[in-house]
Amino acid sequence: MKELVEVIAKALVDHPEAVSVLEKEEGNETVLELSVDPSDMGKVIGKQGRIAKAIRCVVKAAASREDKKAVLEIQ
């Protein structure tokens, strides 16, 4: 799932070299922390959070295929 978030984020931003994803296991839940360049934050979040919501939806769908729970945090 880490690679999935990286590919999506790098396609959205102007500075793909600044994109990093940290994956943490907390119990039965996977926490993905997405970090981007501050100037690209708006592109990843989108108007009214629509893009962030869509990315979270894709991550949840990918996690459910593996019978896991996943949470995406954008920093």
PDB file of N, CA and C in Angstrom:
ATOM      1  N   MET A   1       0.817  -1.197   0.000  1.00  0.00           N
ATOM      2  CA  MET A   1       0.000   0.000   0.000  1.00  0.00           C
ATOM      3  C   MET A   1       0.863   1.264   0.000  1.00  0.00           C
ATOM      4  N   LYS A   2       2.043   1.154   0.568  1.00  0.00           N
ATOM      5  CA  LYS A   2       2.950   2.292   0.607  1.00  0.00           C
ATOM      6  C   LYS A   2       3.266   2.757  -0.812  1.00  0.00           C
ATOM      7  N   GLU A   3       3.542   1.817  -1.698  1.00  0.00           N
ATOM      8  CA  GLU A   3       3.876   2.152  -3.076  1.00  0.00           C
ATOM      9  C   GLU A   3       2.685   2.788  -3.796  1.00  0.00           C
ATOM     10  N   LEU A   4       1.505   2.309  -3.490  1.00  0.00           N
ATOM     11  CA  LEU A   4       0.287   2.855  -4.100  1.00  0.00           C
ATOM     12  C   LEU A   4       0.126   4.337  -3.764  1.00  0.00           C
ATOM     13  N   VAL A   5       0.294   4.682  -2.503  1.00  0.00           N
ATOM     14  CA  VAL A   5       0.163   6.077  -2.066  1.00  0.00           C
ATOM     15  C   VAL A   5       1.257   6.933  -2.701  1.00  0.00           C
ATOM     16  N   GLU A   6       2.485   6.396  -2.772  1.00  0.00           N
ATOM     17  CA  GLU A   6       3.591   7.136  -3.390  1.00  0.00           C
ATOM     18  C   GLU A   6       3.307   7.454  -4.851  1.00  0.00           C
ATOM     19  N   VAL A   7       2.834   6.481  -5.603  1.00  0.00           N
ATOM     20  CA  VAL A   7       2.554   6.675  -7.033  1.00  0.00           C
ATOM     21  C   VAL A   7       1.470   7.723  -7.227  1.00  0.00           C
ATOM     22  N   ILE A   8       0.416   7.647  -6.450  1.00  0.00           N
ATOM     23  CA  ILE A   8      -0.684   8.612  -6.572  1.00  0.00           C
ATOM     24  C   ILE A   8      -0.197  10.020  -6.228  1.00  0.00           C
ATOM     25  N   ALA A   9       0.524  10.151  -5.108  1.00  0.00           N
ATOM     26  CA  ALA A   9       0.986  11.468  -4.661  1.00  0.00           C
ATOM     27  C   ALA A   9       1.981  12.077  -5.650  1.00  0.00           C
ATOM     28  N   LYS A  10       2.905  11.278  -6.158  1.00  0.00           N
ATOM     29  CA  LYS A  10       3.904  11.793  -7.094  1.00  0.00           C
ATOM     30  C   LYS A  10       3.267  12.267  -8.395  1.00  0.00           C
ATOM     31  N   ALA A  11       2.145  11.666  -8.779  1.00  0.00           N
ATOM     32  CA  ALA A  11       1.451  12.094  -9.986  1.00  0.00           C
ATOM     33  C   ALA A  11       0.749  13.431  -9.798  1.00  0.00           C
ATOM     34  N   LEU A  12       0.450  13.790  -8.560  1.00  0.00           N
ATOM     35  CA  LEU A  12      -0.303  15.014  -8.276  1.00  0.00           C
ATOM     36  C   LEU A  12       0.563  16.250  -8.057  1.00  0.00           C
ATOM     37  N   VAL A  13       1.775  16.077  -7.550  1.00  0.00           N
ATOM     38  CA  VAL A  13       2.567  17.214  -7.072  1.00  0.00           C
ATOM     39  C   VAL A  13       3.557  17.739  -8.110  1.00  0.00           C
ATOM     40  N   ASP A  14       4.088  18.957  -7.836  1.00  0.00           N
ATOM     41  CA  ASP A  14       5.116  19.564  -8.683  1.00  0.00           C
ATOM     42  C   ASP A  14       6.517  19.118  -8.277  1.00  0.00           C
ATOM     43  N   HIS A  15       6.685  18.683  -7.024  1.00  0.00           N
ATOM     44  CA  HIS A  15       7.986  18.257  -6.498  1.00  0.00           C
ATOM     45  C   HIS A  15       7.905  16.795  -6.058  1.00  0.00           C
ATOM     46  N   PRO A  16       7.926  15.852  -7.012  1.00  0.00           N
ATOM     47  CA  PRO A  16       7.779  14.437  -6.640  1.00  0.00           C
ATOM     48  C   PRO A  16       8.936  13.896  -5.799  1.00  0.00           C
ATOM     49  N   GLU A  17      10.106  14.545  -5.871  1.00  0.00           N
ATOM     50  CA  GLU A  17      11.236  14.084  -5.072  1.00  0.00           C
ATOM     51  C   GLU A  17      11.025  14.332  -3.582  1.00  0.00           C
ATOM     52  N   ALA A  18      10.101  15.205  -3.229  1.00  0.00           N
ATOM     53  CA  ALA A  18       9.830  15.520  -1.822  1.00  0.00           C
ATOM     54  C   ALA A  18       8.760  14.616  -1.210  1.00  0.00           C
ATOM     55  N   VAL A  19       8.173  13.733  -2.008  1.00  0.00           N
ATOM     56  CA  VAL A  19       7.123  12.847  -1.510  1.00  0.00           C
ATOM     57  C   VAL A  19       7.754  11.684  -0.749  1.00  0.00           C
ATOM     58  N   SER A  20       7.257  11.441   0.459  1.00  0.00           N
ATOM     59  CA  SER A  20       7.702  10.271   1.215  1.00  0.00           C
ATOM     60  C   SER A  20       6.520   9.693   1.974  1.00  0.00           C
ATOM     61  N   VAL A  21       6.523   8.373   2.083  1.00  0.00           N
ATOM     62  CA  VAL A  21       5.444   7.676   2.785  1.00  0.00           C
ATOM     63  C   VAL A  21       6.081   6.781   3.838  1.00  0.00           C
ATOM     64  N   LEU A  22       5.618   6.930   5.068  1.00  0.00           N
ATOM     65  CA  LEU A  22       6.097   6.121   6.181  1.00  0.00           C
ATOM     66  C   LEU A  22       4.971   5.185   6.590  1.00  0.00           C
ATOM     67  N   GLU A  23       5.270   3.903   6.675  1.00  0.00           N
ATOM     68  CA  GLU A  23       4.258   2.904   7.003  1.00  0.00           C
ATOM     69  C   GLU A  23       4.503   2.377   8.408  1.00  0.00           C
ATOM     70  N   LYS A  24       3.477   2.456   9.257  1.00  0.00           N
ATOM     71  CA  LYS A  24       3.582   1.975  10.637  1.00  0.00           C
ATOM     72  C   LYS A  24       2.487   0.948  10.893  1.00  0.00           C
ATOM     73  N   GLU A  25       2.835  -0.097  11.606  1.00  0.00           N
ATOM     74  CA  GLU A  25       1.854  -1.104  12.016  1.00  0.00           C
ATOM     75  C   GLU A  25       1.462  -0.822  13.461  1.00  0.00           C
ATOM     76  N   GLU A  26       0.190  -0.582  13.684  1.00  0.00           N
ATOM     77  CA  GLU A  26      -0.317  -0.350  15.033  1.00  0.00           C
ATOM     78  C   GLU A  26      -1.440  -1.346  15.284  1.00  0.00           C
ATOM     79  N   GLY A  27      -1.093  -2.464  15.902  1.00  0.00           N
ATOM     80  CA  GLY A  27      -2.084  -3.511  16.121  1.00  0.00           C
ATOM     81  C   GLY A  27      -2.474  -4.140  14.797  1.00  0.00           C
ATOM     82  N   ASN A  28      -3.770  -4.173  14.512  1.00  0.00           N
ATOM     83  CA  ASN A  28      -4.237  -4.722  13.237  1.00  0.00           C
ATOM     84  C   ASN A  28      -4.460  -3.621  12.203  1.00  0.00           C
ATOM     85  N   GLU A  29      -3.945  -2.442  12.481  1.00  0.00           N
ATOM     86  CA  GLU A  29      -4.157  -1.279  11.620  1.00  0.00           C
ATOM     87  C   GLU A  29      -2.828  -0.783  11.064  1.00  0.00           C
ATOM     88  N   THR A  30      -2.825  -0.413   9.799  1.00  0.00           N
ATOM     89  CA  THR A  30      -1.651   0.152   9.163  1.00  0.00           C
ATOM     90  C   THR A  30      -1.859   1.651   9.020  1.00  0.00           C
ATOM     91  N   VAL A  31      -0.900   2.434   9.509  1.00  0.00           N
ATOM     92  CA  VAL A  31      -0.970   3.888   9.408  1.00  0.00           C
ATOM     93  C   VAL A  31       0.048   4.326   8.365  1.00  0.00           C
ATOM     94  N   LEU A  32      -0.416   5.028   7.337  1.00  0.00           N
ATOM     95  CA  LEU A  32       0.446   5.538   6.281  1.00  0.00           C
ATOM     96  C   LEU A  32       0.551   7.048   6.457  1.00  0.00           C
ATOM     97  N   GLU A  33       1.764   7.534   6.642  1.00  0.00           N
ATOM     98  CA  GLU A  33       1.984   8.973   6.812  1.00  0.00           C
ATOM     99  C   GLU A  33       2.589   9.517   5.526  1.00  0.00           C
ATOM    100  N   LEU A  34       1.841  10.357   4.840  1.00  0.00           N
ATOM    101  CA  LEU A  34       2.274  10.958   3.587  1.00  0.00           C
ATOM    102  C   LEU A  34       2.824  12.346   3.848  1.00  0.00           C
ATOM    103  N   SER A  35       4.064  12.580   3.434  1.00  0.00           N
ATOM    104  CA  SER A  35       4.681  13.899   3.567  1.00  0.00           C
ATOM    105  C   SER A  35       4.990  14.438   2.180  1.00  0.00           C
ATOM    106  N   VAL A  36       4.622  15.697   1.949  1.00  0.00           N
ATOM    107  CA  VAL A  36       4.896  16.346   0.669  1.00  0.00           C
ATOM    108  C   VAL A  36       5.492  17.722   0.927  1.00  0.00           C
ATOM    109  N   ASP A  37       6.001  18.334  -0.123  1.00  0.00           N
ATOM    110  CA  ASP A  37       6.526  19.700  -0.032  1.00  0.00           C
ATOM    111  C   ASP A  37       5.381  20.626   0.384  1.00  0.00           C
ATOM    112  N   PRO A  38       5.646  21.592   1.268  1.00  0.00           N
ATOM    113  CA  PRO A  38       4.567  22.495   1.711  1.00  0.00           C
ATOM    114  C   PRO A  38       3.841  23.205   0.565  1.00  0.00           C
ATOM    115  N   SER A  39       4.536  23.495  -0.519  1.00  0.00           N
ATOM    116  CA  SER A  39       3.875  24.166  -1.645  1.00  0.00           C
ATOM    117  C   SER A  39       2.931  23.228  -2.398  1.00  0.00           C
ATOM    118  N   ASP A  40       3.068  21.918  -2.204  1.00  0.00           N
ATOM    119  CA  ASP A  40       2.213  20.935  -2.880  1.00  0.00           C
ATOM    120  C   ASP A  40       1.064  20.444  -2.005  1.00  0.00           C
ATOM    121  N   MET A  41       0.980  20.929  -0.783  1.00  0.00           N
ATOM    122  CA  MET A  41      -0.034  20.438   0.149  1.00  0.00           C
ATOM    123  C   MET A  41      -1.450  20.627  -0.397  1.00  0.00           C
ATOM    124  N   GLY A  42      -1.717  21.762  -0.998  1.00  0.00           N
ATOM    125  CA  GLY A  42      -3.051  22.025  -1.545  1.00  0.00           C
ATOM    126  C   GLY A  42      -3.419  21.080  -2.671  1.00  0.00           C
ATOM    127  N   LYS A  43      -2.443  20.661  -3.454  1.00  0.00           N
ATOM    128  CA  LYS A  43      -2.707  19.745  -4.557  1.00  0.00           C
ATOM    129  C   LYS A  43      -3.065  18.361  -4.064  1.00  0.00           C
ATOM    130  N   VAL A  44      -2.490  17.962  -2.938  1.00  0.00           N
ATOM    131  CA  VAL A  44      -2.771  16.639  -2.385  1.00  0.00           C
ATOM    132  C   VAL A  44      -4.100  16.640  -1.636  1.00  0.00           C
ATOM    133  N   ILE A  45      -4.435  17.750  -1.003  1.00  0.00           N
ATOM    134  CA  ILE A  45      -5.689  17.822  -0.250  1.00  0.00           C
ATOM    135  C   ILE A  45      -6.868  18.125  -1.178  1.00  0.00           C
ATOM    136  N   GLY A  46      -6.705  19.060  -2.083  1.00  0.00           N
ATOM    137  CA  GLY A  46      -7.779  19.401  -3.017  1.00  0.00           C
ATOM    138  C   GLY A  46      -8.815  20.312  -2.405  1.00  0.00           C
ATOM    139  N   LYS A  47      -9.721  20.788  -3.249  1.00  0.00           N
ATOM    140  CA  LYS A  47     -10.789  21.662  -2.762  1.00  0.00           C
ATOM    141  C   LYS A  47     -11.711  20.881  -1.842  1.00  0.00           C
ATOM    142  N   GLN A  48     -11.911  21.427  -0.656  1.00  0.00           N
ATOM    143  CA  GLN A  48     -12.754  20.831   0.382  1.00  0.00           C
ATOM    144  C   GLN A  48     -12.323  19.407   0.719  1.00  0.00           C
ATOM    145  N   GLY A  49     -11.025  19.084   0.485  1.00  0.00           N
ATOM    146  CA  GLY A  49     -10.496  17.773   0.850  1.00  0.00           C
ATOM    147  C   GLY A  49     -10.919  16.644  -0.050  1.00  0.00           C
ATOM    148  N   ARG A  50     -11.384  16.952  -1.242  1.00  0.00           N
ATOM    149  CA  ARG A  50     -11.898  15.904  -2.132  1.00  0.00           C
ATOM    150  C   ARG A  50     -10.822  14.933  -2.594  1.00  0.00           C
ATOM    151  N   ILE A  51      -9.640  15.440  -2.930  1.00  0.00           N
ATOM    152  CA  ILE A  51      -8.575  14.549  -3.405  1.00  0.00           C
ATOM    153  C   ILE A  51      -8.071  13.675  -2.262  1.00  0.00           C
ATOM    154  N   ALA A  52      -7.899  14.266  -1.084  1.00  0.00           N
ATOM    155  CA  ALA A  52      -7.467  13.490   0.080  1.00  0.00           C
ATOM    156  C   ALA A  52      -8.480  12.393   0.397  1.00  0.00           C
ATOM    157  N   LYS A  53      -9.741  12.727   0.298  1.00  0.00           N
ATOM    158  CA  LYS A  53     -10.807  11.757   0.554  1.00  0.00           C
ATOM    159  C   LYS A  53     -10.756  10.613  -0.460  1.00  0.00           C
ATOM    160  N   ALA A  54     -10.495  10.950  -1.728  1.00  0.00           N
ATOM    161  CA  ALA A  54     -10.414   9.935  -2.781  1.00  0.00           C
ATOM    162  C   ALA A  54      -9.208   9.019  -2.564  1.00  0.00           C
ATOM    163  N   ILE A  55      -8.071   9.595  -2.165  1.00  0.00           N
ATOM    164  CA  ILE A  55      -6.881   8.778  -1.897  1.00  0.00           C
ATOM    165  C   ILE A  55      -7.151   7.840  -0.723  1.00  0.00           C
ATOM    166  N   ARG A  56      -7.798   8.360   0.320  1.00  0.00           N
ATOM    167  CA  ARG A  56      -8.129   7.516   1.476  1.00  0.00           C
ATOM    168  C   ARG A  56      -9.076   6.389   1.080  1.00  0.00           C
ATOM    169  N   CYS A  57      -9.988   6.660   0.178  1.00  0.00           N
ATOM    170  CA  CYS A  57     -10.930   5.646  -0.291  1.00  0.00           C
ATOM    171  C   CYS A  57     -10.191   4.528  -1.029  1.00  0.00           C
ATOM    172  N   VAL A  58      -9.243   4.897  -1.876  1.00  0.00           N
ATOM    173  CA  VAL A  58      -8.456   3.898  -2.613  1.00  0.00           C
ATOM    174  C   VAL A  58      -7.611   3.069  -1.647  1.00  0.00           C
ATOM    175  N   VAL A  59      -7.022   3.717  -0.644  1.00  0.00           N
ATOM    176  CA  VAL A  59      -6.205   3.002   0.340  1.00  0.00           C
ATOM    177  C   VAL A  59      -7.059   2.018   1.128  1.00  0.00           C
ATOM    178  N   LYS A  60      -8.250   2.436   1.525  1.00  0.00           N
ATOM    179  CA  LYS A  60      -9.137   1.532   2.259  1.00  0.00           C
ATOM    180  C   LYS A  60      -9.545   0.337   1.404  1.00  0.00           C
ATOM    181  N   ALA A  61      -9.793   0.576   0.118  1.00  0.00           N
ATOM    182  CA  ALA A  61     -10.162  -0.516  -0.786  1.00  0.00           C
ATOM    183  C   ALA A  61      -9.007  -1.499  -0.942  1.00  0.00           C
ATOM    184  N   ALA A  62      -7.792  -0.984  -1.076  1.00  0.00           N
ATOM    185  CA  ALA A  62      -6.622  -1.854  -1.204  1.00  0.00           C
ATOM    186  C   ALA A  62      -6.393  -2.642   0.084  1.00  0.00           C
ATOM    187  N   ALA A  63      -6.621  -2.010   1.218  1.00  0.00           N
ATOM    188  CA  ALA A  63      -6.441  -2.688   2.506  1.00  0.00           C
ATOM    189  C   ALA A  63      -7.493  -3.769   2.711  1.00  0.00           C
ATOM    190  N   SER A  64      -8.709  -3.510   2.282  1.00  0.00           N
ATOM    191  CA  SER A  64      -9.770  -4.498   2.475  1.00  0.00           C
ATOM    192  C   SER A  64      -9.529  -5.758   1.649  1.00  0.00           C
ATOM    193  N   ARG A  65      -8.823  -5.611   0.527  1.00  0.00           N
ATOM    194  CA  ARG A  65      -8.468  -6.793  -0.273  1.00  0.00           C
ATOM    195  C   ARG A  65      -7.526  -7.707   0.494  1.00  0.00           C
ATOM    196  N   GLU A  66      -6.749  -7.131   1.401  1.00  0.00           N
ATOM    197  CA  GLU A  66      -5.798  -7.892   2.211  1.00  0.00           C
ATOM    198  C   GLU A  66      -6.341  -8.171   3.611  1.00  0.00           C
ATOM    199  N   ASP A  67      -7.625  -7.902   3.835  1.00  0.00           N
ATOM    200  CA  ASP A  67      -8.276  -8.065   5.140  1.00  0.00           C
ATOM    201  C   ASP A  67      -7.549  -7.304   6.240  1.00  0.00           C
ATOM    202  N   LYS A  68      -7.204  -6.049   5.956  1.00  0.00           N
ATOM    203  CA  LYS A  68      -6.543  -5.181   6.919  1.00  0.00           C
ATOM    204  C   LYS A  68      -7.295  -3.864   7.003  1.00  0.00           C
ATOM    205  N   LYS A  69      -6.908  -3.039   7.972  1.00  0.00           N
ATOM    206  CA  LYS A  69      -7.419  -1.676   8.078  1.00  0.00           C
ATOM    207  C   LYS A  69      -6.263  -0.734   7.796  1.00  0.00           C
ATOM    208  N   ALA A  70      -6.532   0.341   7.093  1.00  0.00           N
ATOM    209  CA  ALA A  70      -5.479   1.303   6.778  1.00  0.00           C
ATOM    210  C   ALA A  70      -6.003   2.717   6.989  1.00  0.00           C
ATOM    211  N   VAL A  71      -5.110   3.573   7.489  1.00  0.00           N
ATOM    212  CA  VAL A  71      -5.427   4.978   7.729  1.00  0.00           C
ATOM    213  C   VAL A  71      -4.347   5.801   7.056  1.00  0.00           C
ATOM    214  N   LEU A  72      -4.757   6.846   6.339  1.00  0.00           N
ATOM    215  CA  LEU A  72      -3.808   7.740   5.675  1.00  0.00           C
ATOM    216  C   LEU A  72      -3.785   9.078   6.397  1.00  0.00           C
ATOM    217  N   GLU A  73      -2.593   9.487   6.812  1.00  0.00           N
ATOM    218  CA  GLU A  73      -2.393  10.793   7.432  1.00  0.00           C
ATOM    219  C   GLU A  73      -1.534  11.634   6.496  1.00  0.00           C
ATOM    220  N   ILE A  74      -1.978  12.831   6.192  1.00  0.00           N
ATOM    221  CA  ILE A  74      -1.224  13.721   5.297  1.00  0.00           C
ATOM    222  C   ILE A  74      -0.555  14.787   6.137  1.00  0.00           C
ATOM    223  N   GLN A  75       0.764  14.887   5.988  1.00  0.00           N
ATOM    224  CA  GLN A  75       1.528  15.842   6.797  1.00  0.00           C
ATOM    225  C   GLN A  75       2.261  16.796   5.909  1.00  0.00           C
TER     226      GLN A  75
END
